[in-house]
């Protein structure tokens, strides 16, 4: 009987696919220097489906405008659901659909 239980446990373990991380992106407003870990914790507490094996890219859009110690603001229009997370690209891979871009910085003082 013990052998049968061991075999069932091994079969169940093999049937569960290994959990793979996802590449997730978020836009927030937070004071400059806010640790990414604090932002990810805030996003999880807010209800976003972020797992420990996920690779999270945070764009802090308000770093220079937000007062130090001000609460973090989530700029996402919707919460990331498990369904959305499942559709996200695997961790370690840049999301498909992103294109190269260039930008210019306005530096009027340097052109004198």
PDB file of N, CA and C in Angstrom:
ATOM      1  N   UNK A   1       0.818  -1.194   0.000  1.00  0.00           N
ATOM      2  CA  UNK A   1       0.000   0.000   0.000  1.00  0.00           C
ATOM      3  C   UNK A   1       0.865   1.262   0.000  1.00  0.00           C
ATOM      4  N   UNK A   2       1.953   1.227   0.772  1.00  0.00           N
ATOM      5  CA  UNK A   2       2.835   2.395   0.832  1.00  0.00           C
ATOM      6  C   UNK A   2       3.458   2.656  -0.534  1.00  0.00           C
ATOM      7  N   UNK A   3       3.790   1.581  -1.264  1.00  0.00           N
ATOM      8  CA  UNK A   3       4.367   1.739  -2.598  1.00  0.00           C
ATOM      9  C   UNK A   3       3.391   2.412  -3.555  1.00  0.00           C
ATOM     10  N   UNK A   4       2.113   2.061  -3.434  1.00  0.00           N
ATOM     11  CA  UNK A   4       1.091   2.666  -4.284  1.00  0.00           C
ATOM     12  C   UNK A   4       0.944   4.160  -3.979  1.00  0.00           C
ATOM     13  N   UNK A   5       0.969   4.510  -2.698  1.00  0.00           N
ATOM     14  CA  UNK A   5       0.856   5.925  -2.299  1.00  0.00           C
ATOM     15  C   UNK A   5       2.060   6.698  -2.829  1.00  0.00           C
ATOM     16  N   UNK A   6       3.249   6.116  -2.730  1.00  0.00           N
ATOM     17  CA  UNK A   6       4.463   6.770  -3.249  1.00  0.00           C
ATOM     18  C   UNK A   6       4.353   6.979  -4.758  1.00  0.00           C
ATOM     19  N   UNK A   7       3.855   5.958  -5.454  1.00  0.00           N
ATOM     20  CA  UNK A   7       3.720   6.079  -6.909  1.00  0.00           C
ATOM     21  C   UNK A   7       2.718   7.177  -7.277  1.00  0.00           C
ATOM     22  N   UNK A   8       1.593   7.230  -6.569  1.00  0.00           N
ATOM     23  CA  UNK A   8       0.596   8.279  -6.833  1.00  0.00           C
ATOM     24  C   UNK A   8       1.204   9.654  -6.586  1.00  0.00           C
ATOM     25  N   UNK A   9       1.962   9.797  -5.514  1.00  0.00           N
ATOM     26  CA  UNK A   9       2.598  11.084  -5.210  1.00  0.00           C
ATOM     27  C   UNK A   9       3.573  11.478  -6.313  1.00  0.00           C
ATOM     28  N   UNK A  10       4.346  10.507  -6.820  1.00  0.00           N
ATOM     29  CA  UNK A  10       5.294  10.793  -7.904  1.00  0.00           C
ATOM     30  C   UNK A  10       4.554  11.181  -9.182  1.00  0.00           C
ATOM     31  N   UNK A  11       3.462  10.497  -9.502  1.00  0.00           N
ATOM     32  CA  UNK A  11       2.675  10.825 -10.691  1.00  0.00           C
ATOM     33  C   UNK A  11       2.057  12.219 -10.572  1.00  0.00           C
ATOM     34  N   UNK A  12       1.531  12.536  -9.391  1.00  0.00           N
ATOM     35  CA  UNK A  12       0.955  13.866  -9.196  1.00  0.00           C
ATOM     36  C   UNK A  12       2.021  14.951  -9.334  1.00  0.00           C
ATOM     37  N   UNK A  13       3.207  14.698  -8.790  1.00  0.00           N
ATOM     38  CA  UNK A  13       4.291  15.680  -8.872  1.00  0.00           C
ATOM     39  C   UNK A  13       4.708  15.902 -10.321  1.00  0.00           C
ATOM     40  N   UNK A  14       4.720  14.840 -11.114  1.00  0.00           N
ATOM     41  CA  UNK A  14       5.125  14.954 -12.520  1.00  0.00           C
ATOM     42  C   UNK A  14       4.032  15.627 -13.348  1.00  0.00           C
ATOM     43  N   UNK A  15       2.778  15.522 -12.896  1.00  0.00           N
ATOM     44  CA  UNK A  15       1.670  16.078 -13.665  1.00  0.00           C
ATOM     45  C   UNK A  15       1.579  17.598 -13.512  1.00  0.00           C
ATOM     46  N   UNK A  16       2.139  18.136 -12.441  1.00  0.00           N
ATOM     47  CA  UNK A  16       2.056  19.572 -12.223  1.00  0.00           C
ATOM     48  C   UNK A  16       3.192  20.250 -12.988  1.00  0.00           C
ATOM     49  N   UNK A  17       2.859  21.087 -13.961  1.00  0.00           N
ATOM     50  CA  UNK A  17       3.921  21.736 -14.721  1.00  0.00           C
ATOM     51  C   UNK A  17       4.694  22.706 -13.826  1.00  0.00           C
ATOM     52  N   UNK A  18       5.988  22.833 -14.058  1.00  0.00           N
ATOM     53  CA  UNK A  18       6.764  23.763 -13.237  1.00  0.00           C
ATOM     54  C   UNK A  18       6.265  25.191 -13.442  1.00  0.00           C
ATOM     55  N   UNK A  19       6.249  25.946 -12.374  1.00  0.00           N
ATOM     56  CA  UNK A  19       5.786  27.324 -12.455  1.00  0.00           C
ATOM     57  C   UNK A  19       6.841  28.176 -13.137  1.00  0.00           C
ATOM     58  N   UNK A  20       6.439  28.900 -14.156  1.00  0.00           N
ATOM     59  CA  UNK A  20       7.383  29.760 -14.856  1.00  0.00           C
ATOM     60  C   UNK A  20       7.050  31.207 -14.552  1.00  0.00           C
ATOM     61  N   UNK A  21       8.084  32.001 -14.418  1.00  0.00           N
ATOM     62  CA  UNK A  21       7.890  33.416 -14.162  1.00  0.00           C
ATOM     63  C   UNK A  21       7.403  34.141 -15.396  1.00  0.00           C
ATOM     64  N   UNK A  22       6.868  35.310 -15.185  1.00  0.00           N
ATOM     65  CA  UNK A  22       6.369  36.143 -16.269  1.00  0.00           C
ATOM     66  C   UNK A  22       7.073  37.488 -16.246  1.00  0.00           C
ATOM     67  N   UNK A  23       7.055  38.168 -17.376  1.00  0.00           N
ATOM     68  CA  UNK A  23       7.622  39.511 -17.494  1.00  0.00           C
ATOM     69  C   UNK A  23       6.454  40.481 -17.407  1.00  0.00           C
ATOM     70  N   UNK A  24       6.417  41.259 -16.321  1.00  0.00           N
ATOM     71  CA  UNK A  24       5.298  42.153 -16.072  1.00  0.00           C
ATOM     72  C   UNK A  24       5.792  43.595 -15.994  1.00  0.00           C
ATOM     73  N   UNK A  25       5.016  44.525 -16.523  1.00  0.00           N
ATOM     74  CA  UNK A  25       5.380  45.934 -16.457  1.00  0.00           C
ATOM     75  C   UNK A  25       4.267  46.728 -15.783  1.00  0.00           C
ATOM     76  N   UNK A  26       4.668  47.725 -15.005  1.00  0.00           N
ATOM     77  CA  UNK A  26       3.714  48.580 -14.303  1.00  0.00           C
ATOM     78  C   UNK A  26       4.192  50.020 -14.368  1.00  0.00           C
ATOM     79  N   UNK A  27       3.255  50.940 -14.361  1.00  0.00           N
ATOM     80  CA  UNK A  27       3.556  52.363 -14.274  1.00  0.00           C
ATOM     81  C   UNK A  27       3.031  52.867 -12.932  1.00  0.00           C
ATOM     82  N   UNK A  28       3.888  53.569 -12.211  1.00  0.00           N
ATOM     83  CA  UNK A  28       3.515  54.095 -10.912  1.00  0.00           C
ATOM     84  C   UNK A  28       4.017  55.525 -10.776  1.00  0.00           C
ATOM     85  N   UNK A  29       3.553  56.183  -9.740  1.00  0.00           N
ATOM     86  CA  UNK A  29       4.115  57.446  -9.294  1.00  0.00           C
ATOM     87  C   UNK A  29       4.585  57.233  -7.867  1.00  0.00           C
ATOM     88  N   UNK A  30       5.859  57.460  -7.644  1.00  0.00           N
ATOM     89  CA  UNK A  30       6.434  57.305  -6.308  1.00  0.00           C
ATOM     90  C   UNK A  30       7.591  58.276  -6.173  1.00  0.00           C
ATOM     91  N   UNK A  31       7.934  58.614  -4.940  1.00  0.00           N
ATOM     92  CA  UNK A  31       9.033  59.550  -4.742  1.00  0.00           C
ATOM     93  C   UNK A  31      10.337  58.936  -5.227  1.00  0.00           C
ATOM     94  N   UNK A  32      11.266  59.786  -5.623  1.00  0.00           N
ATOM     95  CA  UNK A  32      12.543  59.335  -6.158  1.00  0.00           C
ATOM     96  C   UNK A  32      13.264  58.498  -5.108  1.00  0.00           C
ATOM     97  N   UNK A  33      13.822  57.392  -5.536  1.00  0.00           N
ATOM     98  CA  UNK A  33      14.560  56.521  -4.632  1.00  0.00           C
ATOM     99  C   UNK A  33      13.713  55.477  -3.934  1.00  0.00           C
ATOM    100  N   UNK A  34      12.417  55.442  -4.220  1.00  0.00           N
ATOM    101  CA  UNK A  34      11.569  54.404  -3.618  1.00  0.00           C
ATOM    102  C   UNK A  34      12.038  53.044  -4.116  1.00  0.00           C
ATOM    103  N   UNK A  35      12.391  52.118  -3.210  1.00  0.00           N
ATOM    104  CA  UNK A  35      12.869  50.805  -3.660  1.00  0.00           C
ATOM    105  C   UNK A  35      11.825  50.067  -4.491  1.00  0.00           C
ATOM    106  N   UNK A  36      12.288  49.410  -5.539  1.00  0.00           N
ATOM    107  CA  UNK A  36      11.376  48.652  -6.408  1.00  0.00           C
ATOM    108  C   UNK A  36      10.622  47.600  -5.607  1.00  0.00           C
ATOM    109  N   UNK A  37      11.295  46.988  -4.640  1.00  0.00           N
ATOM    110  CA  UNK A  37      10.638  45.977  -3.810  1.00  0.00           C
ATOM    111  C   UNK A  37       9.435  46.530  -3.065  1.00  0.00           C
ATOM    112  N   UNK A  38       9.548  47.772  -2.588  1.00  0.00           N
ATOM    113  CA  UNK A  38       8.420  48.406  -1.900  1.00  0.00           C
ATOM    114  C   UNK A  38       7.265  48.646  -2.867  1.00  0.00           C
ATOM    115  N   UNK A  39       7.605  49.030  -4.099  1.00  0.00           N
ATOM    116  CA  UNK A  39       6.569  49.280  -5.102  1.00  0.00           C
ATOM    117  C   UNK A  39       5.860  47.975  -5.469  1.00  0.00           C
ATOM    118  N   UNK A  40       6.640  46.899  -5.656  1.00  0.00           N
ATOM    119  CA  UNK A  40       6.042  45.596  -5.998  1.00  0.00           C
ATOM    120  C   UNK A  40       5.158  45.112  -4.855  1.00  0.00           C
ATOM    121  N   UNK A  41       5.598  45.292  -3.603  1.00  0.00           N
ATOM    122  CA  UNK A  41       4.774  44.908  -2.454  1.00  0.00           C
ATOM    123  C   UNK A  41       3.467  45.692  -2.448  1.00  0.00           C
ATOM    124  N   UNK A  42       3.553  46.990  -2.723  1.00  0.00           N
ATOM    125  CA  UNK A  42       2.350  47.820  -2.804  1.00  0.00           C
ATOM    126  C   UNK A  42       1.398  47.296  -3.888  1.00  0.00           C
ATOM    127  N   UNK A  43       1.956  46.969  -5.068  1.00  0.00           N
ATOM    128  CA  UNK A  43       1.120  46.486  -6.168  1.00  0.00           C
ATOM    129  C   UNK A  43       0.459  45.154  -5.816  1.00  0.00           C
ATOM    130  N   UNK A  44       1.210  44.259  -5.154  1.00  0.00           N
ATOM    131  CA  UNK A  44       0.629  42.977  -4.720  1.00  0.00           C
ATOM    132  C   UNK A  44      -0.502  43.213  -3.727  1.00  0.00           C
ATOM    133  N   UNK A  45      -0.234  44.091  -2.736  1.00  0.00           N
ATOM    134  CA  UNK A  45      -1.247  44.373  -1.711  1.00  0.00           C
ATOM    135  C   UNK A  45      -2.498  44.990  -2.329  1.00  0.00           C
ATOM    136  N   UNK A  46      -2.327  45.695  -3.424  1.00  0.00           N
ATOM    137  CA  UNK A  46      -3.466  46.332  -4.109  1.00  0.00           C
ATOM    138  C   UNK A  46      -4.296  45.302  -4.880  1.00  0.00           C
ATOM    139  N   UNK A  47      -3.721  44.127  -5.133  1.00  0.00           N
ATOM    140  CA  UNK A  47      -4.486  43.066  -5.786  1.00  0.00           C
ATOM    141  C   UNK A  47      -3.944  42.588  -7.106  1.00  0.00           C
ATOM    142  N   UNK A  48      -2.790  43.123  -7.548  1.00  0.00           N
ATOM    143  CA  UNK A  48      -2.202  42.655  -8.803  1.00  0.00           C
ATOM    144  C   UNK A  48      -1.658  41.232  -8.636  1.00  0.00           C
ATOM    145  N   UNK A  49      -1.829  40.404  -9.659  1.00  0.00           N
ATOM    146  CA  UNK A  49      -1.361  39.018  -9.645  1.00  0.00           C
ATOM    147  C   UNK A  49       0.126  38.979  -9.981  1.00  0.00           C
ATOM    148  N   UNK A  50       0.959  39.199  -8.979  1.00  0.00           N
ATOM    149  CA  UNK A  50       2.419  39.159  -9.148  1.00  0.00           C
ATOM    150  C   UNK A  50       2.939  38.012  -8.295  1.00  0.00           C
ATOM    151  N   UNK A  51       3.619  37.071  -8.919  1.00  0.00           N
ATOM    152  CA  UNK A  51       4.180  35.916  -8.211  1.00  0.00           C
ATOM    153  C   UNK A  51       5.653  36.161  -7.916  1.00  0.00           C
ATOM    154  N   UNK A  52       6.195  35.401  -6.981  1.00  0.00           N
ATOM    155  CA  UNK A  52       7.584  35.608  -6.559  1.00  0.00           C
ATOM    156  C   UNK A  52       8.580  35.331  -7.678  1.00  0.00           C
ATOM    157  N   UNK A  53       8.236  34.476  -8.632  1.00  0.00           N
ATOM    158  CA  UNK A  53       9.175  34.153  -9.717  1.00  0.00           C
ATOM    159  C   UNK A  53       9.049  35.110 -10.914  1.00  0.00           C
ATOM    160  N   UNK A  54       8.160  36.078 -10.829  1.00  0.00           N
ATOM    161  CA  UNK A  54       7.969  37.025 -11.931  1.00  0.00           C
ATOM    162  C   UNK A  54       9.091  38.055 -11.981  1.00  0.00           C
ATOM    163  N   UNK A  55       9.345  38.549 -13.176  1.00  0.00           N
ATOM    164  CA  UNK A  55      10.300  39.629 -13.397  1.00  0.00           C
ATOM    165  C   UNK A  55       9.460  40.887 -13.614  1.00  0.00           C
ATOM    166  N   UNK A  56       9.595  41.858 -12.709  1.00  0.00           N
ATOM    167  CA  UNK A  56       8.722  43.033 -12.732  1.00  0.00           C
ATOM    168  C   UNK A  56       9.527  44.267 -13.119  1.00  0.00           C
ATOM    169  N   UNK A  57       9.070  44.954 -14.143  1.00  0.00           N
ATOM    170  CA  UNK A  57       9.683  46.206 -14.589  1.00  0.00           C
ATOM    171  C   UNK A  57       8.744  47.332 -14.181  1.00  0.00           C
ATOM    172  N   UNK A  58       9.260  48.249 -13.357  1.00  0.00           N
ATOM    173  CA  UNK A  58       8.443  49.344 -12.841  1.00  0.00           C
ATOM    174  C   UNK A  58       8.903  50.650 -13.472  1.00  0.00           C
ATOM    175  N   UNK A  59       7.974  51.362 -14.102  1.00  0.00           N
ATOM    176  CA  UNK A  59       8.267  52.687 -14.642  1.00  0.00           C
ATOM    177  C   UNK A  59       7.723  53.705 -13.653  1.00  0.00           C
ATOM    178  N   UNK A  60       8.636  54.393 -12.968  1.00  0.00           N
ATOM    179  CA  UNK A  60       8.242  55.394 -11.982  1.00  0.00           C
ATOM    180  C   UNK A  60       8.116  56.730 -12.691  1.00  0.00           C
ATOM    181  N   UNK A  61       6.909  57.058 -13.108  1.00  0.00           N
ATOM    182  CA  UNK A  61       6.687  58.233 -13.945  1.00  0.00           C
ATOM    183  C   UNK A  61       6.673  59.540 -13.165  1.00  0.00           C
ATOM    184  N   UNK A  62       6.539  59.470 -11.834  1.00  0.00           N
ATOM    185  CA  UNK A  62       6.452  60.702 -11.068  1.00  0.00           C
ATOM    186  C   UNK A  62       7.603  60.929 -10.126  1.00  0.00           C
ATOM    187  N   UNK A  63       8.745  60.288 -10.380  1.00  0.00           N
ATOM    188  CA  UNK A  63       9.854  60.318  -9.429  1.00  0.00           C
ATOM    189  C   UNK A  63      10.293  61.732  -9.064  1.00  0.00           C
ATOM    190  N   UNK A  64      10.269  62.649 -10.003  1.00  0.00           N
ATOM    191  CA  UNK A  64      10.753  63.999  -9.732  1.00  0.00           C
ATOM    192  C   UNK A  64       9.639  64.950  -9.306  1.00  0.00           C
ATOM    193  N   UNK A  65       8.400  64.487  -9.342  1.00  0.00           N
ATOM    194  CA  UNK A  65       7.267  65.355  -9.014  1.00  0.00           C
ATOM    195  C   UNK A  65       6.630  65.020  -7.672  1.00  0.00           C
ATOM    196  N   UNK A  66       6.845  63.808  -7.188  1.00  0.00           N
ATOM    197  CA  UNK A  66       6.177  63.340  -5.976  1.00  0.00           C
ATOM    198  C   UNK A  66       7.037  63.663  -4.764  1.00  0.00           C
ATOM    199  N   UNK A  67       6.412  64.182  -3.724  1.00  0.00           N
ATOM    200  CA  UNK A  67       7.135  64.528  -2.500  1.00  0.00           C
ATOM    201  C   UNK A  67       7.656  63.268  -1.811  1.00  0.00           C
ATOM    202  N   UNK A  68       8.815  63.378  -1.187  1.00  0.00           N
ATOM    203  CA  UNK A  68       9.399  62.252  -0.462  1.00  0.00           C
ATOM    204  C   UNK A  68       8.426  61.788   0.617  1.00  0.00           C
ATOM    205  N   UNK A  69       8.208  60.481   0.648  1.00  0.00           N
ATOM    206  CA  UNK A  69       7.305  59.910   1.635  1.00  0.00           C
ATOM    207  C   UNK A  69       5.841  59.898   1.227  1.00  0.00           C
ATOM    208  N   UNK A  70       5.523  60.496   0.078  1.00  0.00           N
ATOM    209  CA  UNK A  70       4.133  60.483  -0.393  1.00  0.00           C
ATOM    210  C   UNK A  70       3.745  59.050  -0.764  1.00  0.00           C
ATOM    211  N   UNK A  71       2.471  58.716  -0.630  1.00  0.00           N
ATOM    212  CA  UNK A  71       2.055  57.349  -0.971  1.00  0.00           C
ATOM    213  C   UNK A  71       2.260  57.043  -2.455  1.00  0.00           C
ATOM    214  N   UNK A  72       2.544  55.780  -2.733  1.00  0.00           N
ATOM    215  CA  UNK A  72       2.721  55.311  -4.110  1.00  0.00           C
ATOM    216  C   UNK A  72       1.365  55.317  -4.802  1.00  0.00           C
ATOM    217  N   UNK A  73       1.351  55.729  -6.061  1.00  0.00           N
ATOM    218  CA  UNK A  73       0.115  55.692  -6.859  1.00  0.00           C
ATOM    219  C   UNK A  73       0.276  54.690  -7.983  1.00  0.00           C
ATOM    220  N   UNK A  74      -0.681  53.807  -8.108  1.00  0.00           N
ATOM    221  CA  UNK A  74      -0.709  52.833  -9.199  1.00  0.00           C
ATOM    222  C   UNK A  74      -1.398  53.485 -10.388  1.00  0.00           C
ATOM    223  N   UNK A  75      -0.713  53.582 -11.516  1.00  0.00           N
ATOM    224  CA  UNK A  75      -1.274  54.232 -12.698  1.00  0.00           C
ATOM    225  C   UNK A  75      -1.918  53.239 -13.674  1.00  0.00           C
ATOM    226  N   UNK A  76      -1.972  51.962 -13.297  1.00  0.00           N
ATOM    227  CA  UNK A  76      -2.581  50.959 -14.170  1.00  0.00           C
ATOM    228  C   UNK A  76      -4.084  51.187 -14.255  1.00  0.00           C
ATOM    229  N   UNK A  77      -4.657  51.082 -15.460  1.00  0.00           N
ATOM    230  CA  UNK A  77      -6.104  51.272 -15.577  1.00  0.00           C
ATOM    231  C   UNK A  77      -6.898  50.134 -14.932  1.00  0.00           C
ATOM    232  N   UNK A  78      -6.341  48.931 -14.905  1.00  0.00           N
ATOM    233  CA  UNK A  78      -7.028  47.759 -14.338  1.00  0.00           C
ATOM    234  C   UNK A  78      -6.045  46.937 -13.529  1.00  0.00           C
ATOM    235  N   UNK A  79      -6.574  46.153 -12.603  1.00  0.00           N
ATOM    236  CA  UNK A  79      -5.730  45.221 -11.857  1.00  0.00           C
ATOM    237  C   UNK A  79      -5.290  44.083 -12.774  1.00  0.00           C
ATOM    238  N   UNK A  80      -4.066  43.627 -12.599  1.00  0.00           N
ATOM    239  CA  UNK A  80      -3.549  42.493 -13.366  1.00  0.00           C
ATOM    240  C   UNK A  80      -4.142  41.213 -12.778  1.00  0.00           C
ATOM    241  N   UNK A  81      -4.931  40.511 -13.568  1.00  0.00           N
ATOM    242  CA  UNK A  81      -5.555  39.265 -13.105  1.00  0.00           C
ATOM    243  C   UNK A  81      -4.656  38.080 -13.441  1.00  0.00           C
ATOM    244  N   UNK A  82      -4.990  36.928 -12.885  1.00  0.00           N
ATOM    245  CA  UNK A  82      -4.242  35.710 -13.205  1.00  0.00           C
ATOM    246  C   UNK A  82      -4.332  35.401 -14.702  1.00  0.00           C
ATOM    247  N   UNK A  83      -5.476  35.701 -15.311  1.00  0.00           N
ATOM    248  CA  UNK A  83      -5.648  35.475 -16.749  1.00  0.00           C
ATOM    249  C   UNK A  83      -4.702  36.380 -17.545  1.00  0.00           C
ATOM    250  N   UNK A  84      -4.612  37.660 -17.139  1.00  0.00           N
ATOM    251  CA  UNK A  84      -3.688  38.585 -17.803  1.00  0.00           C
ATOM    252  C   UNK A  84      -2.245  38.129 -17.620  1.00  0.00           C
ATOM    253  N   UNK A  85      -1.934  37.690 -16.410  1.00  0.00           N
ATOM    254  CA  UNK A  85      -0.573  37.234 -16.120  1.00  0.00           C
ATOM    255  C   UNK A  85      -0.214  36.032 -16.990  1.00  0.00           C
ATOM    256  N   UNK A  86      -1.157  35.114 -17.170  1.00  0.00           N
ATOM    257  CA  UNK A  86      -0.910  33.920 -17.988  1.00  0.00           C
ATOM    258  C   UNK A  86      -0.584  34.303 -19.427  1.00  0.00           C
ATOM    259  N   UNK A  87      -1.142  35.408 -19.902  1.00  0.00           N
ATOM    260  CA  UNK A  87      -0.897  35.844 -21.278  1.00  0.00           C
ATOM    261  C   UNK A  87       0.388  36.661 -21.420  1.00  0.00           C
ATOM    262  N   UNK A  88       1.000  37.031 -20.306  1.00  0.00           N
ATOM    263  CA  UNK A  88       2.224  37.846 -20.353  1.00  0.00           C
ATOM    264  C   UNK A  88       3.398  37.015 -20.861  1.00  0.00           C
ATOM    265  N   UNK A  89       4.430  37.665 -21.423  1.00  0.00           N
ATOM    266  CA  UNK A  89       5.590  36.929 -21.921  1.00  0.00           C
ATOM    267  C   UNK A  89       6.376  36.294 -20.780  1.00  0.00           C
ATOM    268  N   UNK A  90       7.130  35.244 -21.074  1.00  0.00           N
ATOM    269  CA  UNK A  90       7.942  34.599 -20.041  1.00  0.00           C
ATOM    270  C   UNK A  90       8.997  35.547 -19.483  1.00  0.00           C
ATOM    271  N   UNK A  91       9.371  35.321 -18.233  1.00  0.00           N
ATOM    272  CA  UNK A  91      10.429  36.120 -17.618  1.00  0.00           C
ATOM    273  C   UNK A  91      11.718  35.950 -18.409  1.00  0.00           C
ATOM    274  N   UNK A  92      12.493  37.012 -18.461  1.00  0.00           N
ATOM    275  CA  UNK A  92      13.760  36.964 -19.177  1.00  0.00           C
ATOM    276  C   UNK A  92      13.647  37.295 -20.648  1.00  0.00           C
ATOM    277  N   UNK A  93      12.432  37.471 -21.134  1.00  0.00           N
ATOM    278  CA  UNK A  93      12.241  37.808 -22.546  1.00  0.00           C
ATOM    279  C   UNK A  93      11.524  39.149 -22.655  1.00  0.00           C
ATOM    280  N   UNK A  94      12.062  40.054 -23.465  1.00  0.00           N
ATOM    281  CA  UNK A  94      11.422  41.342 -23.662  1.00  0.00           C
ATOM    282  C   UNK A  94      10.074  41.115 -24.332  1.00  0.00           C
ATOM    283  N   UNK A  95       9.026  41.793 -23.885  1.00  0.00           N
ATOM    284  CA  UNK A  95       7.694  41.545 -24.460  1.00  0.00           C
ATOM    285  C   UNK A  95       7.660  41.792 -25.965  1.00  0.00           C
ATOM    286  N   UNK A  96       6.944  40.938 -26.667  1.00  0.00           N
ATOM    287  CA  UNK A  96       6.767  41.105 -28.108  1.00  0.00           C
ATOM    288  C   UNK A  96       5.934  42.366 -28.348  1.00  0.00           C
ATOM    289  N   UNK A  97       6.196  43.023 -29.451  1.00  0.00           N
ATOM    290  CA  UNK A  97       5.438  44.215 -29.772  1.00  0.00           C
ATOM    291  C   UNK A  97       6.157  45.489 -29.381  1.00  0.00           C
ATOM    292  N   UNK A  98       7.193  45.360 -28.553  1.00  0.00           N
ATOM    293  CA  UNK A  98       7.968  46.550 -28.204  1.00  0.00           C
ATOM    294  C   UNK A  98       8.901  46.855 -29.362  1.00  0.00           C
ATOM    295  N   UNK A  99       8.977  48.093 -29.714  1.00  0.00           N
ATOM    296  CA  UNK A  99       9.820  48.488 -30.829  1.00  0.00           C
ATOM    297  C   UNK A  99      10.920  49.403 -30.330  1.00  0.00           C
ATOM    298  N   UNK A 100      11.982  49.483 -31.098  1.00  0.00           N
ATOM    299  CA  UNK A 100      13.060  50.404 -30.751  1.00  0.00           C
ATOM    300  C   UNK A 100      12.559  51.835 -30.866  1.00  0.00           C
ATOM    301  N   UNK A 101      13.105  52.683 -30.050  1.00  0.00           N
ATOM    302  CA  UNK A 101      12.724  54.081 -30.129  1.00  0.00           C
ATOM    303  C   UNK A 101      13.932  54.943 -29.799  1.00  0.00           C
ATOM    304  N   UNK A 102      13.879  56.169 -30.216  1.00  0.00           N
ATOM    305  CA  UNK A 102      14.927  57.129 -29.877  1.00  0.00           C
ATOM    306  C   UNK A 102      14.245  58.365 -29.320  1.00  0.00           C
ATOM    307  N   UNK A 103      14.982  59.130 -28.577  1.00  0.00           N
ATOM    308  CA  UNK A 103      14.429  60.373 -28.045  1.00  0.00           C
ATOM    309  C   UNK A 103      15.539  61.393 -27.923  1.00  0.00           C
ATOM    310  N   UNK A 104      15.148  62.651 -27.908  1.00  0.00           N
ATOM    311  CA  UNK A 104      16.096  63.750 -27.740  1.00  0.00           C
ATOM    312  C   UNK A 104      15.814  64.449 -26.432  1.00  0.00           C
ATOM    313  N   UNK A 105      16.866  64.854 -25.755  1.00  0.00           N
ATOM    314  CA  UNK A 105      16.698  65.616 -24.533  1.00  0.00           C
ATOM    315  C   UNK A 105      16.833  67.091 -24.877  1.00  0.00           C
ATOM    316  N   UNK A 106      15.943  67.884 -24.360  1.00  0.00           N
ATOM    317  CA  UNK A 106      16.062  69.331 -24.530  1.00  0.00           C
ATOM    318  C   UNK A 106      17.181  69.845 -23.640  1.00  0.00           C
ATOM    319  N   UNK A 107      18.220  70.372 -24.216  1.00  0.00           N
ATOM    320  CA  UNK A 107      19.348  70.906 -23.457  1.00  0.00           C
ATOM    321  C   UNK A 107      19.744  72.245 -24.071  1.00  0.00           C
ATOM    322  N   UNK A 108      18.924  73.266 -23.888  1.00  0.00           N
ATOM    323  CA  UNK A 108      19.217  74.546 -24.536  1.00  0.00           C
ATOM    324  C   UNK A 108      20.530  75.159 -24.082  1.00  0.00           C
ATOM    325  N   UNK A 109      20.968  74.874 -22.867  1.00  0.00           N
ATOM    326  CA  UNK A 109      22.213  75.446 -22.361  1.00  0.00           C
ATOM    327  C   UNK A 109      23.446  74.874 -23.026  1.00  0.00           C
ATOM    328  N   UNK A 110      23.329  73.693 -23.617  1.00  0.00           N
ATOM    329  CA  UNK A 110      24.499  73.047 -24.234  1.00  0.00           C
ATOM    330  C   UNK A 110      24.739  73.503 -25.649  1.00  0.00           C
ATOM    331  N   UNK A 111      23.786  74.190 -26.258  1.00  0.00           N
ATOM    332  CA  UNK A 111      23.926  74.595 -27.652  1.00  0.00           C
ATOM    333  C   UNK A 111      24.443  76.023 -27.806  1.00  0.00           C
ATOM    334  N   UNK A 112      24.924  76.598 -26.720  1.00  0.00           N
ATOM    335  CA  UNK A 112      25.371  77.998 -26.780  1.00  0.00           C
ATOM    336  C   UNK A 112      26.671  78.152 -27.522  1.00  0.00           C
TER     337      UNK A 112
END
